[in-house]
Amino acid sequence: EYGKGSPFNVEVMPSKANPNTTETFYDPKRNSYAGVEDSILVQARDRFGNSLKKGGDPIDAKLTGPQGVKVNTTVKDNEDGTYSVIFEPTLAGKHKLDIKLRNN
């Protein structure tokens, strides 16, 4: 027999964002173009892989182009656990994008 008020529903929320399970969504077959704004989506996840449903996580992004040229990036908090990393490269060639979840 259950105790008084039992059974009841318990809402379990994701825990804090974890860099090992946070995921980026980018199709490597897709091209970015010089002078055209582009973006990559980041989904924050906790250590169990649960998607976070709110923003506020400290995400940094750094884009480096050919010959080490830095490209300005902006991280937009979509306030739903996702972040848009926005950039506009000006040089053609291979670029490296580093996305980091700070303080974890």
N, C-alpha and C. Protein backbone atom coordinates (compact mmCIF):
# COMPACT_ATOMS: atom_id res chain seq x y z
N GLU A 1 0.85 -1.19 0.00
CA GLU A 1 0.00 0.00 0.00
C GLU A 1 0.89 1.25 0.00
N TYR A 2 0.47 2.23 -0.79
CA TYR A 2 1.20 3.48 -0.87
C TYR A 2 0.88 4.37 0.32
N GLY A 3 1.85 5.27 0.65
CA GLY A 3 1.60 6.26 1.69
C GLY A 3 0.64 7.32 1.20
N LYS A 4 0.17 8.14 2.10
CA LYS A 4 -0.79 9.19 1.77
C LYS A 4 -0.19 10.12 0.70
N GLY A 5 -0.93 10.40 -0.34
CA GLY A 5 -0.48 11.26 -1.41
C GLY A 5 0.37 10.56 -2.45
N SER A 6 0.60 9.28 -2.31
CA SER A 6 1.45 8.54 -3.22
C SER A 6 0.57 7.62 -4.07
N PRO A 7 0.87 7.33 -5.28
CA PRO A 7 2.04 7.80 -6.04
C PRO A 7 1.83 9.23 -6.55
N PHE A 8 2.91 9.88 -6.92
CA PHE A 8 2.85 11.22 -7.49
C PHE A 8 3.94 11.36 -8.54
N ASN A 9 3.78 12.34 -9.37
CA ASN A 9 4.74 12.58 -10.45
C ASN A 9 5.87 13.47 -9.97
N VAL A 10 7.08 13.18 -10.40
CA VAL A 10 8.25 13.98 -10.09
C VAL A 10 8.86 14.45 -11.41
N GLU A 11 9.05 15.75 -11.56
CA GLU A 11 9.68 16.30 -12.76
C GLU A 11 11.19 16.30 -12.54
N VAL A 12 11.92 15.61 -13.40
CA VAL A 12 13.38 15.56 -13.32
C VAL A 12 13.94 16.41 -14.46
N MET A 13 14.75 17.40 -14.11
CA MET A 13 15.32 18.32 -15.08
C MET A 13 16.76 17.92 -15.41
N PRO A 14 17.27 18.33 -16.57
CA PRO A 14 18.67 18.06 -16.87
C PRO A 14 19.57 18.77 -15.86
N SER A 15 20.75 18.22 -15.64
CA SER A 15 21.71 18.89 -14.75
C SER A 15 22.51 19.89 -15.58
N LYS A 16 23.64 20.38 -15.07
CA LYS A 16 24.39 21.44 -15.77
C LYS A 16 25.03 20.91 -17.06
N ALA A 17 25.30 21.84 -17.96
CA ALA A 17 25.89 21.50 -19.25
C ALA A 17 27.26 20.86 -19.08
N ASN A 18 27.53 19.88 -19.93
CA ASN A 18 28.79 19.15 -19.88
C ASN A 18 29.46 19.22 -21.26
N PRO A 19 30.74 19.60 -21.32
CA PRO A 19 31.39 19.72 -22.63
C PRO A 19 31.56 18.40 -23.37
N ASN A 20 31.54 17.28 -22.66
CA ASN A 20 31.73 15.98 -23.31
C ASN A 20 30.49 15.49 -24.04
N THR A 21 29.33 16.02 -23.68
CA THR A 21 28.09 15.57 -24.33
C THR A 21 27.40 16.68 -25.11
N THR A 22 27.82 17.94 -24.89
CA THR A 22 27.27 19.05 -25.66
C THR A 22 27.64 18.83 -27.13
N GLU A 23 26.69 19.10 -28.01
CA GLU A 23 26.85 18.72 -29.42
C GLU A 23 26.74 19.92 -30.35
N THR A 24 27.54 19.90 -31.41
CA THR A 24 27.43 20.90 -32.46
C THR A 24 26.81 20.26 -33.69
N PHE A 25 26.06 21.06 -34.42
CA PHE A 25 25.40 20.58 -35.63
C PHE A 25 25.94 21.34 -36.82
N TYR A 26 26.72 20.65 -37.62
CA TYR A 26 27.32 21.25 -38.82
C TYR A 26 27.53 20.15 -39.85
N ASP A 27 27.09 20.40 -41.04
CA ASP A 27 27.27 19.44 -42.13
C ASP A 27 28.59 19.76 -42.83
N PRO A 28 29.61 18.89 -42.69
CA PRO A 28 30.91 19.18 -43.29
C PRO A 28 30.88 19.24 -44.82
N LYS A 29 29.83 18.74 -45.44
CA LYS A 29 29.71 18.82 -46.90
C LYS A 29 29.20 20.19 -47.34
N ARG A 30 28.67 20.93 -46.39
CA ARG A 30 28.14 22.26 -46.67
C ARG A 30 29.29 23.27 -46.71
N ASN A 31 29.21 24.24 -47.59
CA ASN A 31 30.25 25.26 -47.68
C ASN A 31 29.80 26.55 -47.05
N SER A 32 30.75 27.27 -46.48
CA SER A 32 30.57 28.66 -46.09
C SER A 32 31.21 29.49 -47.19
N TYR A 33 30.78 30.74 -47.34
CA TYR A 33 31.30 31.58 -48.41
C TYR A 33 31.84 32.89 -47.86
N ALA A 34 32.94 33.35 -48.45
CA ALA A 34 33.55 34.61 -48.03
C ALA A 34 32.54 35.75 -48.16
N GLY A 35 32.44 36.54 -47.09
CA GLY A 35 31.54 37.69 -47.10
C GLY A 35 30.09 37.37 -46.83
N VAL A 36 29.77 36.11 -46.53
CA VAL A 36 28.39 35.71 -46.26
C VAL A 36 28.30 35.19 -44.82
N GLU A 37 27.40 35.76 -44.04
CA GLU A 37 27.21 35.31 -42.66
C GLU A 37 26.74 33.86 -42.63
N ASP A 38 27.27 33.11 -41.69
CA ASP A 38 26.91 31.70 -41.55
C ASP A 38 26.81 31.40 -40.06
N SER A 39 26.29 30.25 -39.71
CA SER A 39 26.18 29.89 -38.29
C SER A 39 26.21 28.38 -38.11
N ILE A 40 26.55 28.00 -36.90
CA ILE A 40 26.56 26.61 -36.47
C ILE A 40 25.75 26.54 -35.19
N LEU A 41 24.93 25.51 -35.04
CA LEU A 41 24.09 25.36 -33.86
C LEU A 41 24.78 24.47 -32.83
N VAL A 42 24.71 24.87 -31.57
CA VAL A 42 25.24 24.10 -30.45
C VAL A 42 24.07 23.74 -29.54
N GLN A 43 23.95 22.45 -29.17
CA GLN A 43 22.93 22.00 -28.22
C GLN A 43 23.64 21.62 -26.93
N ALA A 44 23.37 22.35 -25.86
CA ALA A 44 23.95 22.02 -24.56
C ALA A 44 23.26 20.78 -24.01
N ARG A 45 24.07 19.85 -23.49
CA ARG A 45 23.55 18.62 -22.88
C ARG A 45 24.26 18.39 -21.54
N ASP A 46 23.56 17.73 -20.64
CA ASP A 46 24.19 17.38 -19.37
C ASP A 46 25.03 16.12 -19.54
N ARG A 47 25.67 15.67 -18.47
CA ARG A 47 26.58 14.53 -18.59
C ARG A 47 25.89 13.22 -18.97
N PHE A 48 24.56 13.20 -18.87
CA PHE A 48 23.80 12.01 -19.24
C PHE A 48 23.25 12.10 -20.66
N GLY A 49 23.54 13.22 -21.34
CA GLY A 49 23.06 13.41 -22.71
C GLY A 49 21.71 14.07 -22.81
N ASN A 50 21.13 14.49 -21.67
CA ASN A 50 19.84 15.18 -21.70
C ASN A 50 20.04 16.59 -22.26
N SER A 51 19.19 16.99 -23.19
CA SER A 51 19.25 18.34 -23.75
C SER A 51 18.77 19.35 -22.72
N LEU A 52 19.56 20.42 -22.53
CA LEU A 52 19.14 21.49 -21.65
C LEU A 52 18.02 22.26 -22.34
N LYS A 53 17.11 22.80 -21.57
CA LYS A 53 15.94 23.49 -22.10
C LYS A 53 15.99 24.99 -21.84
N LYS A 54 17.07 25.47 -21.22
CA LYS A 54 17.21 26.90 -20.97
C LYS A 54 18.65 27.30 -21.29
N GLY A 55 18.85 28.57 -21.49
CA GLY A 55 20.17 29.08 -21.83
C GLY A 55 20.97 29.48 -20.61
N GLY A 56 21.95 30.35 -20.84
CA GLY A 56 22.75 30.87 -19.76
C GLY A 56 24.10 30.22 -19.59
N ASP A 57 24.43 29.25 -20.42
CA ASP A 57 25.73 28.58 -20.30
C ASP A 57 26.81 29.42 -20.97
N PRO A 58 28.02 29.43 -20.40
CA PRO A 58 29.11 30.24 -20.97
C PRO A 58 29.79 29.53 -22.14
N ILE A 59 29.38 29.89 -23.35
CA ILE A 59 29.93 29.28 -24.57
C ILE A 59 30.85 30.30 -25.25
N ASP A 60 32.05 29.86 -25.58
CA ASP A 60 33.00 30.68 -26.33
C ASP A 60 33.24 30.04 -27.69
N ALA A 61 33.48 30.86 -28.70
CA ALA A 61 33.80 30.35 -30.03
C ALA A 61 34.92 31.19 -30.63
N LYS A 62 35.84 30.51 -31.29
CA LYS A 62 36.96 31.18 -31.95
C LYS A 62 37.14 30.55 -33.32
N LEU A 63 37.11 31.38 -34.36
CA LEU A 63 37.31 30.92 -35.72
C LEU A 63 38.62 31.48 -36.24
N THR A 64 39.47 30.59 -36.71
CA THR A 64 40.77 30.98 -37.24
C THR A 64 40.84 30.55 -38.70
N GLY A 65 41.20 31.51 -39.56
CA GLY A 65 41.26 31.25 -40.99
C GLY A 65 42.68 30.97 -41.45
N PRO A 66 42.87 30.97 -42.76
CA PRO A 66 44.20 30.74 -43.32
C PRO A 66 45.23 31.72 -42.76
N GLN A 67 46.45 31.27 -42.60
CA GLN A 67 47.56 32.05 -42.05
C GLN A 67 47.26 32.59 -40.65
N GLY A 68 46.36 31.92 -39.92
CA GLY A 68 46.08 32.31 -38.54
C GLY A 68 45.21 33.54 -38.38
N VAL A 69 44.56 33.99 -39.45
CA VAL A 69 43.70 35.17 -39.38
C VAL A 69 42.48 34.87 -38.52
N LYS A 70 42.24 35.72 -37.52
CA LYS A 70 41.08 35.56 -36.63
C LYS A 70 39.84 36.13 -37.30
N VAL A 71 38.73 35.40 -37.17
CA VAL A 71 37.45 35.84 -37.72
C VAL A 71 36.53 36.12 -36.54
N ASN A 72 35.87 37.28 -36.55
CA ASN A 72 34.94 37.61 -35.47
C ASN A 72 33.81 36.59 -35.42
N THR A 73 33.49 36.18 -34.20
CA THR A 73 32.36 35.28 -33.98
C THR A 73 31.47 35.88 -32.90
N THR A 74 30.21 35.55 -32.98
CA THR A 74 29.23 35.94 -31.96
C THR A 74 28.50 34.69 -31.54
N VAL A 75 28.33 34.51 -30.23
CA VAL A 75 27.54 33.39 -29.73
C VAL A 75 26.20 33.96 -29.26
N LYS A 76 25.13 33.53 -29.90
CA LYS A 76 23.78 33.98 -29.54
C LYS A 76 23.12 32.90 -28.70
N ASP A 77 22.72 33.26 -27.49
CA ASP A 77 21.98 32.35 -26.62
C ASP A 77 20.53 32.35 -27.08
N ASN A 78 20.05 31.22 -27.57
CA ASN A 78 18.67 31.11 -28.05
C ASN A 78 17.68 30.89 -26.90
N GLU A 79 18.20 30.81 -25.67
CA GLU A 79 17.41 30.70 -24.43
C GLU A 79 16.56 29.44 -24.35
N ASP A 80 16.97 28.41 -25.12
CA ASP A 80 16.25 27.13 -25.08
C ASP A 80 17.22 25.95 -24.97
N GLY A 81 18.47 26.26 -24.55
CA GLY A 81 19.49 25.23 -24.46
C GLY A 81 20.34 25.13 -25.72
N THR A 82 19.99 25.92 -26.74
CA THR A 82 20.80 25.96 -27.94
C THR A 82 21.46 27.33 -28.08
N TYR A 83 22.56 27.33 -28.83
CA TYR A 83 23.33 28.54 -29.07
C TYR A 83 23.70 28.58 -30.54
N SER A 84 23.60 29.75 -31.14
CA SER A 84 24.02 29.93 -32.52
C SER A 84 25.38 30.61 -32.53
N VAL A 85 26.36 29.97 -33.16
CA VAL A 85 27.68 30.56 -33.34
C VAL A 85 27.66 31.20 -34.73
N ILE A 86 27.73 32.53 -34.76
CA ILE A 86 27.57 33.29 -35.99
C ILE A 86 28.93 33.85 -36.41
N PHE A 87 29.24 33.74 -37.68
CA PHE A 87 30.53 34.22 -38.18
C PHE A 87 30.40 34.62 -39.64
N GLU A 88 31.33 35.47 -40.10
CA GLU A 88 31.36 35.88 -41.50
C GLU A 88 32.82 35.92 -41.97
N PRO A 89 33.30 34.81 -42.52
CA PRO A 89 34.69 34.77 -42.97
C PRO A 89 34.88 35.66 -44.21
N THR A 90 36.10 36.15 -44.38
CA THR A 90 36.39 36.98 -45.55
C THR A 90 37.43 36.35 -46.46
N LEU A 91 38.17 35.36 -45.96
CA LEU A 91 39.18 34.68 -46.76
C LEU A 91 38.72 33.28 -47.15
N ALA A 92 38.97 32.92 -48.39
CA ALA A 92 38.70 31.55 -48.83
C ALA A 92 39.78 30.63 -48.26
N GLY A 93 39.44 29.39 -48.02
CA GLY A 93 40.39 28.41 -47.52
C GLY A 93 39.89 27.74 -46.26
N LYS A 94 40.70 26.83 -45.73
CA LYS A 94 40.35 26.07 -44.53
C LYS A 94 40.34 26.98 -43.30
N HIS A 95 39.32 26.82 -42.48
CA HIS A 95 39.18 27.54 -41.22
C HIS A 95 39.02 26.52 -40.10
N LYS A 96 39.41 26.91 -38.90
CA LYS A 96 39.24 26.04 -37.73
C LYS A 96 38.34 26.76 -36.73
N LEU A 97 37.25 26.10 -36.35
CA LEU A 97 36.31 26.66 -35.38
C LEU A 97 36.43 25.89 -34.08
N ASP A 98 36.81 26.59 -33.01
CA ASP A 98 36.88 26.00 -31.67
C ASP A 98 35.72 26.53 -30.86
N ILE A 99 34.89 25.62 -30.34
CA ILE A 99 33.75 25.99 -29.50
C ILE A 99 33.99 25.37 -28.14
N LYS A 100 33.93 26.19 -27.09
CA LYS A 100 34.20 25.70 -25.75
C LYS A 100 33.12 26.13 -24.78
N LEU A 101 32.81 25.21 -23.89
CA LEU A 101 31.91 25.49 -22.78
C LEU A 101 32.82 25.88 -21.62
N ARG A 102 32.78 27.14 -21.20
CA ARG A 102 33.67 27.64 -20.15
C ARG A 102 33.23 27.18 -18.76
N ASN A 103 34.20 27.22 -17.84
CA ASN A 103 33.96 26.96 -16.41
C ASN A 103 33.45 25.55 -16.12
N ASN A 104 33.77 24.61 -16.99
CA ASN A 104 33.38 23.21 -16.74
C ASN A 104 34.58 22.31 -16.93
